[in-house]
Every structure is written in structure tokens, then in C-alpha cells.
PDB file of N, CA and C in Angstrom:
ATOM      1  N   UNK A   1     -11.042 -21.193 -28.974  1.00  0.00           N
ATOM      2  CA  UNK A   1     -11.514 -21.171 -27.598  1.00  0.00           C
ATOM      3  C   UNK A   1     -10.552 -20.345 -26.755  1.00  0.00           C
ATOM      4  N   UNK A   2     -11.052 -19.450 -25.955  1.00  0.00           N
ATOM      5  CA  UNK A   2     -10.242 -18.586 -25.111  1.00  0.00           C
ATOM      6  C   UNK A   2      -9.989 -19.250 -23.770  1.00  0.00           C
ATOM      7  N   UNK A   3      -8.720 -19.204 -23.336  1.00  0.00           N
ATOM      8  CA  UNK A   3      -8.384 -19.736 -22.023  1.00  0.00           C
ATOM      9  C   UNK A   3      -8.805 -18.736 -20.954  1.00  0.00           C
ATOM     10  N   UNK A   4      -9.274 -19.246 -19.840  1.00  0.00           N
ATOM     11  CA  UNK A   4      -9.687 -18.396 -18.732  1.00  0.00           C
ATOM     12  C   UNK A   4      -8.532 -18.274 -17.750  1.00  0.00           C
ATOM     13  N   UNK A   5      -8.243 -17.037 -17.338  1.00  0.00           N
ATOM     14  CA  UNK A   5      -7.171 -16.793 -16.377  1.00  0.00           C
ATOM     15  C   UNK A   5      -7.693 -17.074 -14.972  1.00  0.00           C
ATOM     16  N   UNK A   6      -6.949 -17.853 -14.208  1.00  0.00           N
ATOM     17  CA  UNK A   6      -7.359 -18.188 -12.849  1.00  0.00           C
ATOM     18  C   UNK A   6      -6.524 -17.463 -11.802  1.00  0.00           C
ATOM     19  N   UNK A   7      -5.425 -16.837 -12.201  1.00  0.00           N
ATOM     20  CA  UNK A   7      -4.570 -16.131 -11.260  1.00  0.00           C
ATOM     21  C   UNK A   7      -4.926 -14.653 -11.243  1.00  0.00           C
ATOM     22  N   UNK A   8      -4.702 -14.026 -10.079  1.00  0.00           N
ATOM     23  CA  UNK A   8      -4.889 -12.587  -9.985  1.00  0.00           C
ATOM     24  C   UNK A   8      -3.792 -11.874 -10.768  1.00  0.00           C
ATOM     25  N   UNK A   9      -4.149 -10.749 -11.374  1.00  0.00           N
ATOM     26  CA  UNK A   9      -3.189  -9.982 -12.158  1.00  0.00           C
ATOM     27  C   UNK A   9      -2.982  -8.648 -11.454  1.00  0.00           C
ATOM     28  N   UNK A  10      -1.705  -8.225 -11.332  1.00  0.00           N
ATOM     29  CA  UNK A  10      -1.372  -7.008 -10.614  1.00  0.00           C
ATOM     30  C   UNK A  10      -0.555  -6.080 -11.487  1.00  0.00           C
ATOM     31  N   UNK A  11      -0.830  -4.768 -11.436  1.00  0.00           N
ATOM     32  CA  UNK A  11       0.022  -3.825 -12.158  1.00  0.00           C
ATOM     33  C   UNK A  11       1.459  -3.971 -11.658  1.00  0.00           C
ATOM     34  N   UNK A  12       2.409  -3.930 -12.569  1.00  0.00           N
ATOM     35  CA  UNK A  12       3.811  -4.121 -12.190  1.00  0.00           C
ATOM     36  C   UNK A  12       4.685  -3.471 -13.241  1.00  0.00           C
ATOM     37  N   UNK A  13       5.792  -2.894 -12.838  1.00  0.00           N
ATOM     38  CA  UNK A  13       6.723  -2.273 -13.776  1.00  0.00           C
ATOM     39  C   UNK A  13       8.085  -2.950 -13.661  1.00  0.00           C
ATOM     40  N   UNK A  14       8.567  -3.458 -14.768  1.00  0.00           N
ATOM     41  CA  UNK A  14       9.897  -4.056 -14.841  1.00  0.00           C
ATOM     42  C   UNK A  14      10.294  -4.134 -16.310  1.00  0.00           C
ATOM     43  N   UNK A  15      11.588  -4.196 -16.567  1.00  0.00           N
ATOM     44  CA  UNK A  15      12.086  -4.387 -17.928  1.00  0.00           C
ATOM     45  C   UNK A  15      12.291  -5.868 -18.176  1.00  0.00           C
ATOM     46  N   UNK A  16      11.920  -6.308 -19.361  1.00  0.00           N
ATOM     47  CA  UNK A  16      12.064  -7.710 -19.751  1.00  0.00           C
ATOM     48  C   UNK A  16      13.022  -7.776 -20.930  1.00  0.00           C
ATOM     49  N   UNK A  17      13.998  -8.657 -20.852  1.00  0.00           N
ATOM     50  CA  UNK A  17      15.006  -8.819 -21.907  1.00  0.00           C
ATOM     51  C   UNK A  17      15.013 -10.268 -22.376  1.00  0.00           C
ATOM     52  N   UNK A  18      15.544 -10.482 -23.572  1.00  0.00           N
ATOM     53  CA  UNK A  18      15.710 -11.845 -24.085  1.00  0.00           C
ATOM     54  C   UNK A  18      17.088 -11.987 -24.690  1.00  0.00           C
ATOM     55  N   UNK A  19      17.812 -13.023 -24.256  1.00  0.00           N
ATOM     56  CA  UNK A  19      19.126 -13.294 -24.848  1.00  0.00           C
ATOM     57  C   UNK A  19      18.978 -13.962 -26.216  1.00  0.00           C
ATOM     58  N   UNK A  20      17.802 -14.448 -26.520  1.00  0.00           N
ATOM     59  CA  UNK A  20      17.571 -15.144 -27.798  1.00  0.00           C
ATOM     60  C   UNK A  20      17.166 -14.198 -28.922  1.00  0.00           C
ATOM     61  N   UNK A  21      16.603 -13.037 -28.568  1.00  0.00           N
ATOM     62  CA  UNK A  21      16.111 -12.094 -29.568  1.00  0.00           C
ATOM     63  C   UNK A  21      16.953 -10.819 -29.513  1.00  0.00           C
ATOM     64  N   UNK A  22      17.772 -10.550 -30.534  1.00  0.00           N
ATOM     65  CA  UNK A  22      18.633  -9.363 -30.519  1.00  0.00           C
ATOM     66  C   UNK A  22      17.808  -8.081 -30.384  1.00  0.00           C
ATOM     67  N   UNK A  23      18.284  -7.173 -29.555  1.00  0.00           N
ATOM     68  CA  UNK A  23      17.659  -5.867 -29.336  1.00  0.00           C
ATOM     69  C   UNK A  23      16.241  -5.941 -28.777  1.00  0.00           C
ATOM     70  N   UNK A  24      15.843  -7.064 -28.219  1.00  0.00           N
ATOM     71  CA  UNK A  24      14.508  -7.198 -27.638  1.00  0.00           C
ATOM     72  C   UNK A  24      14.482  -6.564 -26.257  1.00  0.00           C
ATOM     73  N   UNK A  25      13.571  -5.643 -26.061  1.00  0.00           N
ATOM     74  CA  UNK A  25      13.313  -5.028 -24.750  1.00  0.00           C
ATOM     75  C   UNK A  25      11.815  -4.812 -24.653  1.00  0.00           C
ATOM     76  N   UNK A  26      11.271  -5.152 -23.522  1.00  0.00           N
ATOM     77  CA  UNK A  26       9.842  -4.945 -23.297  1.00  0.00           C
ATOM     78  C   UNK A  26       9.640  -4.434 -21.878  1.00  0.00           C
ATOM     79  N   UNK A  27       8.531  -3.770 -21.673  1.00  0.00           N
ATOM     80  CA  UNK A  27       8.154  -3.275 -20.354  1.00  0.00           C
ATOM     81  C   UNK A  27       7.015  -4.154 -19.840  1.00  0.00           C
ATOM     82  N   UNK A  28       7.181  -4.684 -18.644  1.00  0.00           N
ATOM     83  CA  UNK A  28       6.106  -5.443 -18.009  1.00  0.00           C
ATOM     84  C   UNK A  28       5.064  -4.447 -17.523  1.00  0.00           C
ATOM     85  N   UNK A  29       3.799  -4.668 -17.896  1.00  0.00           N
ATOM     86  CA  UNK A  29       2.696  -3.798 -17.483  1.00  0.00           C
ATOM     87  C   UNK A  29       1.917  -4.384 -16.319  1.00  0.00           C
ATOM     88  N   UNK A  30       1.714  -5.692 -16.348  1.00  0.00           N
ATOM     89  CA  UNK A  30       1.106  -6.377 -15.218  1.00  0.00           C
ATOM     90  C   UNK A  30       1.604  -7.804 -15.177  1.00  0.00           C
ATOM     91  N   UNK A  31       1.417  -8.407 -14.025  1.00  0.00           N
ATOM     92  CA  UNK A  31       2.070  -9.668 -13.717  1.00  0.00           C
ATOM     93  C   UNK A  31       1.098 -10.587 -12.998  1.00  0.00           C
ATOM     94  N   UNK A  32       1.176 -11.882 -13.289  1.00  0.00           N
ATOM     95  CA  UNK A  32       0.415 -12.885 -12.535  1.00  0.00           C
ATOM     96  C   UNK A  32       1.275 -14.130 -12.419  1.00  0.00           C
ATOM     97  N   UNK A  33       0.809 -15.086 -11.643  1.00  0.00           N
ATOM     98  CA  UNK A  33       1.577 -16.318 -11.496  1.00  0.00           C
ATOM     99  C   UNK A  33       1.618 -17.104 -12.809  1.00  0.00           C
ATOM    100  N   UNK A  34       0.667 -16.836 -13.701  1.00  0.00           N
ATOM    101  CA  UNK A  34       0.619 -17.549 -14.976  1.00  0.00           C
ATOM    102  C   UNK A  34       1.302 -16.849 -16.131  1.00  0.00           C
ATOM    103  N   UNK A  35       1.583 -15.534 -16.005  1.00  0.00           N
ATOM    104  CA  UNK A  35       2.201 -14.818 -17.117  1.00  0.00           C
ATOM    105  C   UNK A  35       2.208 -13.318 -16.887  1.00  0.00           C
ATOM    106  N   UNK A  36       2.296 -12.567 -17.979  1.00  0.00           N
ATOM    107  CA  UNK A  36       2.382 -11.106 -17.882  1.00  0.00           C
ATOM    108  C   UNK A  36       1.836 -10.466 -19.147  1.00  0.00           C
ATOM    109  N   UNK A  37       1.507  -9.186 -19.012  1.00  0.00           N
ATOM    110  CA  UNK A  37       1.201  -8.361 -20.185  1.00  0.00           C
ATOM    111  C   UNK A  37       2.395  -7.438 -20.353  1.00  0.00           C
ATOM    112  N   UNK A  38       2.943  -7.396 -21.566  1.00  0.00           N
ATOM    113  CA  UNK A  38       4.129  -6.594 -21.834  1.00  0.00           C
ATOM    114  C   UNK A  38       3.865  -5.608 -22.961  1.00  0.00           C
ATOM    115  N   UNK A  39       4.676  -4.550 -23.009  1.00  0.00           N
ATOM    116  CA  UNK A  39       4.602  -3.575 -24.105  1.00  0.00           C
ATOM    117  C   UNK A  39       5.991  -3.490 -24.734  1.00  0.00           C
ATOM    118  N   UNK A  40       6.018  -3.491 -26.063  1.00  0.00           N
ATOM    119  CA  UNK A  40       7.259  -3.335 -26.798  1.00  0.00           C
ATOM    120  C   UNK A  40       7.036  -2.383 -27.956  1.00  0.00           C
ATOM    121  N   UNK A  41       8.126  -1.843 -28.502  1.00  0.00           N
ATOM    122  CA  UNK A  41       8.002  -0.840 -29.572  1.00  0.00           C
ATOM    123  C   UNK A  41       7.559  -1.466 -30.887  1.00  0.00           C
ATOM    124  N   UNK A  42       8.139  -2.561 -31.249  1.00  0.00           N
ATOM    125  CA  UNK A  42       7.767  -3.265 -32.484  1.00  0.00           C
ATOM    126  C   UNK A  42       7.656  -4.738 -32.141  1.00  0.00           C
ATOM    127  N   UNK A  43       6.834  -5.439 -32.849  1.00  0.00           N
ATOM    128  CA  UNK A  43       6.634  -6.847 -32.521  1.00  0.00           C
ATOM    129  C   UNK A  43       7.692  -7.730 -33.166  1.00  0.00           C
ATOM    130  N   UNK A  44       8.581  -8.227 -32.321  1.00  0.00           N
ATOM    131  CA  UNK A  44       9.541  -9.248 -32.737  1.00  0.00           C
ATOM    132  C   UNK A  44       8.975 -10.629 -32.428  1.00  0.00           C
ATOM    133  N   UNK A  45       7.750 -10.651 -31.950  1.00  0.00           N
ATOM    134  CA  UNK A  45       7.138 -11.885 -31.483  1.00  0.00           C
ATOM    135  C   UNK A  45       5.981 -12.297 -32.381  1.00  0.00           C
ATOM    136  N   UNK A  46       5.741 -13.582 -32.434  1.00  0.00           N
ATOM    137  CA  UNK A  46       4.577 -14.117 -33.144  1.00  0.00           C
ATOM    138  C   UNK A  46       3.760 -14.927 -32.138  1.00  0.00           C
ATOM    139  N   UNK A  47       2.455 -14.898 -32.284  1.00  0.00           N
ATOM    140  CA  UNK A  47       1.589 -15.669 -31.398  1.00  0.00           C
ATOM    141  C   UNK A  47       2.000 -17.136 -31.435  1.00  0.00           C
ATOM    142  N   UNK A  48       2.136 -17.733 -30.262  1.00  0.00           N
ATOM    143  CA  UNK A  48       2.522 -19.135 -30.163  1.00  0.00           C
ATOM    144  C   UNK A  48       4.025 -19.356 -30.043  1.00  0.00           C
ATOM    145  N   UNK A  49       4.832 -18.316 -30.315  1.00  0.00           N
ATOM    146  CA  UNK A  49       6.282 -18.491 -30.218  1.00  0.00           C
ATOM    147  C   UNK A  49       6.714 -18.539 -28.752  1.00  0.00           C
ATOM    148  N   UNK A  50       7.821 -19.211 -28.506  1.00  0.00           N
ATOM    149  CA  UNK A  50       8.382 -19.343 -27.162  1.00  0.00           C
ATOM    150  C   UNK A  50       9.770 -18.709 -27.179  1.00  0.00           C
ATOM    151  N   UNK A  51      10.081 -17.927 -26.138  1.00  0.00           N
ATOM    152  CA  UNK A  51      11.385 -17.274 -26.064  1.00  0.00           C
ATOM    153  C   UNK A  51      11.885 -17.254 -24.625  1.00  0.00           C
ATOM    154  N   UNK A  52      13.197 -17.219 -24.478  1.00  0.00           N
ATOM    155  CA  UNK A  52      13.815 -17.102 -23.159  1.00  0.00           C
ATOM    156  C   UNK A  52      13.803 -15.645 -22.730  1.00  0.00           C
ATOM    157  N   UNK A  53      13.655 -15.396 -21.427  1.00  0.00           N
ATOM    158  CA  UNK A  53      13.596 -14.029 -20.927  1.00  0.00           C
ATOM    159  C   UNK A  53      14.347 -13.915 -19.605  1.00  0.00           C
ATOM    160  N   UNK A  54      14.608 -12.675 -19.219  1.00  0.00           N
ATOM    161  CA  UNK A  54      15.145 -12.347 -17.898  1.00  0.00           C
ATOM    162  C   UNK A  54      14.593 -10.988 -17.501  1.00  0.00           C
ATOM    163  N   UNK A  55      14.275 -10.820 -16.224  1.00  0.00           N
ATOM    164  CA  UNK A  55      13.783  -9.550 -15.695  1.00  0.00           C
ATOM    165  C   UNK A  55      14.165  -9.452 -14.231  1.00  0.00           C
ATOM    166  N   UNK A  56      14.467  -8.247 -13.769  1.00  0.00           N
ATOM    167  CA  UNK A  56      14.686  -8.012 -12.345  1.00  0.00           C
ATOM    168  C   UNK A  56      13.355  -7.548 -11.758  1.00  0.00           C
ATOM    169  N   UNK A  57      12.775  -8.367 -10.897  1.00  0.00           N
ATOM    170  CA  UNK A  57      11.464  -8.054 -10.327  1.00  0.00           C
ATOM    171  C   UNK A  57      11.568  -7.251  -9.043  1.00  0.00           C
ATOM    172  N   UNK A  58      12.752  -7.221  -8.443  1.00  0.00           N
ATOM    173  CA  UNK A  58      12.919  -6.508  -7.180  1.00  0.00           C
ATOM    174  C   UNK A  58      14.330  -5.977  -7.078  1.00  0.00           C
ATOM    175  N   UNK A  59      14.464  -4.786  -6.549  1.00  0.00           N
ATOM    176  CA  UNK A  59      15.797  -4.220  -6.351  1.00  0.00           C
ATOM    177  C   UNK A  59      16.529  -4.923  -5.207  1.00  0.00           C
ATOM    178  N   UNK A  60      15.805  -5.683  -4.406  1.00  0.00           N
ATOM    179  CA  UNK A  60      16.414  -6.403  -3.277  1.00  0.00           C
ATOM    180  C   UNK A  60      17.022  -7.743  -3.687  1.00  0.00           C
ATOM    181  N   UNK A  61      16.707  -8.198  -4.884  1.00  0.00           N
ATOM    182  CA  UNK A  61      17.189  -9.501  -5.339  1.00  0.00           C
ATOM    183  C   UNK A  61      18.235  -9.286  -6.421  1.00  0.00           C
ATOM    184  N   UNK A  62      19.440  -9.860  -6.238  1.00  0.00           N
ATOM    185  CA  UNK A  62      20.537  -9.670  -7.193  1.00  0.00           C
ATOM    186  C   UNK A  62      20.333 -10.466  -8.477  1.00  0.00           C
ATOM    187  N   UNK A  63      19.695 -11.610  -8.373  1.00  0.00           N
ATOM    188  CA  UNK A  63      19.570 -12.455  -9.558  1.00  0.00           C
ATOM    189  C   UNK A  63      18.252 -12.186 -10.275  1.00  0.00           C
ATOM    190  N   UNK A  64      18.278 -12.279 -11.598  1.00  0.00           N
ATOM    191  CA  UNK A  64      17.052 -12.001 -12.353  1.00  0.00           C
ATOM    192  C   UNK A  64      16.053 -13.155 -12.280  1.00  0.00           C
ATOM    193  N   UNK A  65      14.803 -12.806 -12.479  1.00  0.00           N
ATOM    194  CA  UNK A  65      13.727 -13.774 -12.687  1.00  0.00           C
ATOM    195  C   UNK A  65      13.866 -14.181 -14.141  1.00  0.00           C
ATOM    196  N   UNK A  66      14.083 -15.458 -14.412  1.00  0.00           N
ATOM    197  CA  UNK A  66      14.291 -15.864 -15.800  1.00  0.00           C
ATOM    198  C   UNK A  66      13.662 -17.210 -16.082  1.00  0.00           C
ATOM    199  N   UNK A  67      13.443 -17.447 -17.362  1.00  0.00           N
ATOM    200  CA  UNK A  67      12.830 -18.685 -17.806  1.00  0.00           C
ATOM    201  C   UNK A  67      12.433 -18.557 -19.260  1.00  0.00           C
ATOM    202  N   UNK A  68      11.356 -19.212 -19.627  1.00  0.00           N
ATOM    203  CA  UNK A  68      10.848 -19.072 -20.992  1.00  0.00           C
ATOM    204  C   UNK A  68       9.356 -18.747 -20.918  1.00  0.00           C
ATOM    205  N   UNK A  69       8.878 -18.109 -21.994  1.00  0.00           N
ATOM    206  CA  UNK A  69       7.480 -17.691 -22.049  1.00  0.00           C
ATOM    207  C   UNK A  69       6.936 -17.941 -23.445  1.00  0.00           C
ATOM    208  N   UNK A  70       5.637 -18.227 -23.503  1.00  0.00           N
ATOM    209  CA  UNK A  70       4.940 -18.432 -24.771  1.00  0.00           C
ATOM    210  C   UNK A  70       4.019 -17.243 -25.012  1.00  0.00           C
ATOM    211  N   UNK A  71       4.010 -16.738 -26.250  1.00  0.00           N
ATOM    212  CA  UNK A  71       3.172 -15.599 -26.602  1.00  0.00           C
ATOM    213  C   UNK A  71       1.738 -16.081 -26.804  1.00  0.00           C
ATOM    214  N   UNK A  72       0.822 -15.585 -25.957  1.00  0.00           N
ATOM    215  CA  UNK A  72      -0.585 -15.989 -26.030  1.00  0.00           C
ATOM    216  C   UNK A  72      -1.378 -15.100 -26.984  1.00  0.00           C
ATOM    217  N   UNK A  73      -1.061 -13.795 -27.005  1.00  0.00           N
ATOM    218  CA  UNK A  73      -1.763 -12.861 -27.882  1.00  0.00           C
ATOM    219  C   UNK A  73      -0.889 -11.636 -28.126  1.00  0.00           C
ATOM    220  N   UNK A  74      -1.200 -10.917 -29.199  1.00  0.00           N
ATOM    221  CA  UNK A  74      -0.503  -9.681 -29.567  1.00  0.00           C
ATOM    222  C   UNK A  74      -1.547  -8.708 -30.100  1.00  0.00           C
ATOM    223  N   UNK A  75      -1.399  -7.411 -29.723  1.00  0.00           N
ATOM    224  CA  UNK A  75      -2.296  -6.398 -30.276  1.00  0.00           C
ATOM    225  C   UNK A  75      -1.566  -5.061 -30.383  1.00  0.00           C
ATOM    226  N   UNK A  76      -1.953  -4.296 -31.381  1.00  0.00           N
ATOM    227  CA  UNK A  76      -1.426  -2.943 -31.575  1.00  0.00           C
ATOM    228  C   UNK A  76      -2.212  -1.991 -30.676  1.00  0.00           C
ATOM    229  N   UNK A  77      -1.499  -1.058 -30.027  1.00  0.00           N
ATOM    230  CA  UNK A  77      -2.149  -0.022 -29.228  1.00  0.00           C
ATOM    231  C   UNK A  77      -1.554   1.325 -29.630  1.00  0.00           C
ATOM    232  N   UNK A  78      -2.092   2.397 -29.112  1.00  0.00           N
ATOM    233  CA  UNK A  78      -1.547   3.725 -29.396  1.00  0.00           C
ATOM    234  C   UNK A  78      -0.144   3.895 -28.811  1.00  0.00           C
ATOM    235  N   UNK A  79       0.166   3.128 -27.760  1.00  0.00           N
ATOM    236  CA  UNK A  79       1.464   3.230 -27.090  1.00  0.00           C
ATOM    237  C   UNK A  79       2.494   2.234 -27.603  1.00  0.00           C
ATOM    238  N   UNK A  80       2.136   1.410 -28.565  1.00  0.00           N
ATOM    239  CA  UNK A  80       3.054   0.391 -29.082  1.00  0.00           C
ATOM    240  C   UNK A  80       2.351  -0.939 -29.208  1.00  0.00           C
ATOM    241  N   UNK A  81       3.106  -1.984 -29.186  1.00  0.00           N
ATOM    242  CA  UNK A  81       2.569  -3.337 -29.298  1.00  0.00           C
ATOM    243  C   UNK A  81       2.479  -3.943 -27.898  1.00  0.00           C
ATOM    244  N   UNK A  82       1.340  -4.530 -27.565  1.00  0.00           N
ATOM    245  CA  UNK A  82       1.188  -5.243 -26.304  1.00  0.00           C
ATOM    246  C   UNK A  82       1.060  -6.727 -26.606  1.00  0.00           C
ATOM    247  N   UNK A  83       1.561  -7.532 -25.681  1.00  0.00           N
ATOM    248  CA  UNK A  83       1.478  -8.981 -25.832  1.00  0.00           C
ATOM    249  C   UNK A  83       1.201  -9.613 -24.475  1.00  0.00           C
ATOM    250  N   UNK A  84       0.467 -10.693 -24.491  1.00  0.00           N
ATOM    251  CA  UNK A  84       0.262 -11.504 -23.296  1.00  0.00           C
ATOM    252  C   UNK A  84       1.188 -12.695 -23.396  1.00  0.00           C
ATOM    253  N   UNK A  85       1.962 -12.935 -22.346  1.00  0.00           N
ATOM    254  CA  UNK A  85       2.879 -14.073 -22.357  1.00  0.00           C
ATOM    255  C   UNK A  85       2.559 -14.999 -21.188  1.00  0.00           C
ATOM    256  N   UNK A  86       2.745 -16.286 -21.413  1.00  0.00           N
ATOM    257  CA  UNK A  86       2.504 -17.308 -20.391  1.00  0.00           C
ATOM    258  C   UNK A  86       3.838 -17.926 -20.018  1.00  0.00           C
ATOM    259  N   UNK A  87       4.127 -17.985 -18.706  1.00  0.00           N
ATOM    260  CA  UNK A  87       5.370 -18.600 -18.253  1.00  0.00           C
ATOM    261  C   UNK A  87       5.375 -20.075 -18.620  1.00  0.00           C
ATOM    262  N   UNK A  88       6.546 -20.588 -18.953  1.00  0.00           N
ATOM    263  CA  UNK A  88       6.713 -21.995 -19.313  1.00  0.00           C
ATOM    264  C   UNK A  88       7.762 -22.631 -18.415  1.00  0.00           C
ATOM    265  N   UNK A  89       7.428 -23.684 -17.712  1.00  0.00           N
ATOM    266  CA  UNK A  89       8.373 -24.491 -16.939  1.00  0.00           C
ATOM    267  C   UNK A  89       9.321 -23.670 -16.074  1.00  0.00           C
ATOM    268  N   UNK A  90       8.778 -22.831 -15.184  1.00  0.00           N
ATOM    269  CA  UNK A  90       9.621 -22.037 -14.294  1.00  0.00           C
ATOM    270  C   UNK A  90      10.310 -22.934 -13.268  1.00  0.00           C
ATOM    271  N   UNK A  91      11.552 -22.604 -12.930  1.00  0.00           N
ATOM    272  CA  UNK A  91      12.273 -23.328 -11.884  1.00  0.00           C
ATOM    273  C   UNK A  91      11.683 -22.950 -10.530  1.00  0.00           C
ATOM    274  N   UNK A  92      12.020 -23.702  -9.509  1.00  0.00           N
ATOM    275  CA  UNK A  92      11.557 -23.388  -8.156  1.00  0.00           C
ATOM    276  C   UNK A  92      12.012 -22.009  -7.710  1.00  0.00           C
ATOM    277  N   UNK A  93      13.266 -21.648  -8.017  1.00  0.00           N
ATOM    278  CA  UNK A  93      13.798 -20.336  -7.642  1.00  0.00           C
ATOM    279  C   UNK A  93      13.051 -19.220  -8.370  1.00  0.00           C
ATOM    280  N   UNK A  94      12.750 -19.418  -9.645  1.00  0.00           N
ATOM    281  CA  UNK A  94      12.025 -18.402 -10.421  1.00  0.00           C
ATOM    282  C   UNK A  94      10.609 -18.243  -9.885  1.00  0.00           C
ATOM    283  N   UNK A  95       9.959 -19.337  -9.574  1.00  0.00           N
ATOM    284  CA  UNK A  95       8.599 -19.280  -9.033  1.00  0.00           C
ATOM    285  C   UNK A  95       8.579 -18.586  -7.676  1.00  0.00           C
ATOM    286  N   UNK A  96       9.588 -18.825  -6.859  1.00  0.00           N
ATOM    287  CA  UNK A  96       9.683 -18.170  -5.555  1.00  0.00           C
ATOM    288  C   UNK A  96       9.848 -16.656  -5.729  1.00  0.00           C
ATOM    289  N   UNK A  97      10.707 -16.237  -6.663  1.00  0.00           N
ATOM    290  CA  UNK A  97      10.909 -14.805  -6.928  1.00  0.00           C
ATOM    291  C   UNK A  97       9.618 -14.170  -7.439  1.00  0.00           C
ATOM    292  N   UNK A  98       8.919 -14.874  -8.314  1.00  0.00           N
ATOM    293  CA  UNK A  98       7.659 -14.371  -8.855  1.00  0.00           C
ATOM    294  C   UNK A  98       6.620 -14.209  -7.751  1.00  0.00           C
ATOM    295  N   UNK A  99       6.477 -15.209  -6.926  1.00  0.00           N
ATOM    296  CA  UNK A  99       5.484 -15.142  -5.847  1.00  0.00           C
ATOM    297  C   UNK A  99       5.806 -14.024  -4.861  1.00  0.00           C
ATOM    298  N   UNK A 100       7.079 -13.808  -4.595  1.00  0.00           N
ATOM    299  CA  UNK A 100       7.491 -12.723  -3.712  1.00  0.00           C
ATOM    300  C   UNK A 100       7.106 -11.366  -4.311  1.00  0.00           C
ATOM    301  N   UNK A 101       7.352 -11.193  -5.614  1.00  0.00           N
ATOM    302  CA  UNK A 101       6.979  -9.939  -6.308  1.00  0.00           C
ATOM    303  C   UNK A 101       5.467  -9.745  -6.293  1.00  0.00           C
ATOM    304  N   UNK A 102       4.714 -10.809  -6.490  1.00  0.00           N
ATOM    305  CA  UNK A 102       3.249 -10.708  -6.504  1.00  0.00           C
ATOM    306  C   UNK A 102       2.701 -10.352  -5.126  1.00  0.00           C
ATOM    307  N   UNK A 103       3.313 -10.883  -4.060  1.00  0.00           N
ATOM    308  CA  UNK A 103       2.875 -10.536  -2.712  1.00  0.00           C
ATOM    309  C   UNK A 103       3.062  -9.040  -2.455  1.00  0.00           C
ATOM    310  N   UNK A 104       4.195  -8.505  -2.900  1.00  0.00           N
ATOM    311  CA  UNK A 104       4.457  -7.079  -2.722  1.00  0.00           C
ATOM    312  C   UNK A 104       3.512  -6.237  -3.579  1.00  0.00           C
ATOM    313  N   UNK A 105       3.222  -6.699  -4.787  1.00  0.00           N
ATOM    314  CA  UNK A 105       2.345  -5.945  -5.703  1.00  0.00           C
ATOM    315  C   UNK A 105       0.902  -5.969  -5.206  1.00  0.00           C
ATOM    316  N   UNK A 106       0.487  -7.069  -4.604  1.00  0.00           N
ATOM    317  CA  UNK A 106      -0.899  -7.215  -4.147  1.00  0.00           C
ATOM    318  C   UNK A 106      -1.177  -6.584  -2.798  1.00  0.00           C
ATOM    319  N   UNK A 107      -0.117  -6.234  -2.087  1.00  0.00           N
ATOM    320  CA  UNK A 107      -0.193  -5.611  -0.752  1.00  0.00           C
ATOM    321  C   UNK A 107      -1.068  -6.444   0.152  1.00  0.00           C
TER     322      UNK A 107
END
């Protein structure tokens, strides 16, 4: 059964890193309050896996947006591997940073 997305999704560019996965780097392609679509060169991820992440969503904010995410789907594309990730248990500060980025992205 496919989950239905209830949040708006906005194009967004940011780098995503993980302290848990060596050499992991991904590019955020779009962002929503529930998760993101990312692109990476090779898949270090498996569907259903959970990993810690950090990303700078704004040049105005010194601290990174960080937390954990669960991999909802993975697919091969001509540009690399894309994955859909769902945020897991974001802190109040992380949610505030995310909402601020989404307001700017949604204009």
C-alpha cells in the first residue's frame, strides 16, 4: 500500500551528510515537512533503513538542520540514485528550521 503525501513539496537545493555513513553525501532535490527527495551517486541506503543526517538549509542559520530519516523508496535515474526519505522524530529546533526553509521555498 502506498502512503499518500499530505504536505506540499518544494524544489530545494542543499547538501545532506550523515555522520553514521562514511563518505555519504547527497543533494536535496525537493523538501517537505514530511521528508525530502535526494540524489546520491551510489546507493549506500536500503529501503526501510534509518540514518542520522545533517544539512544546512539556509546561509543565515549557523546550525545545521539535523535528525534522523527513514528511506521510503529508492530508484535508479540517468543522473544517479534518487531516494525518498521521511523525517523521524525531529526536535522542535529542527522543525522550526525546516518550516522556515519551506516558507522561503514556497514564497
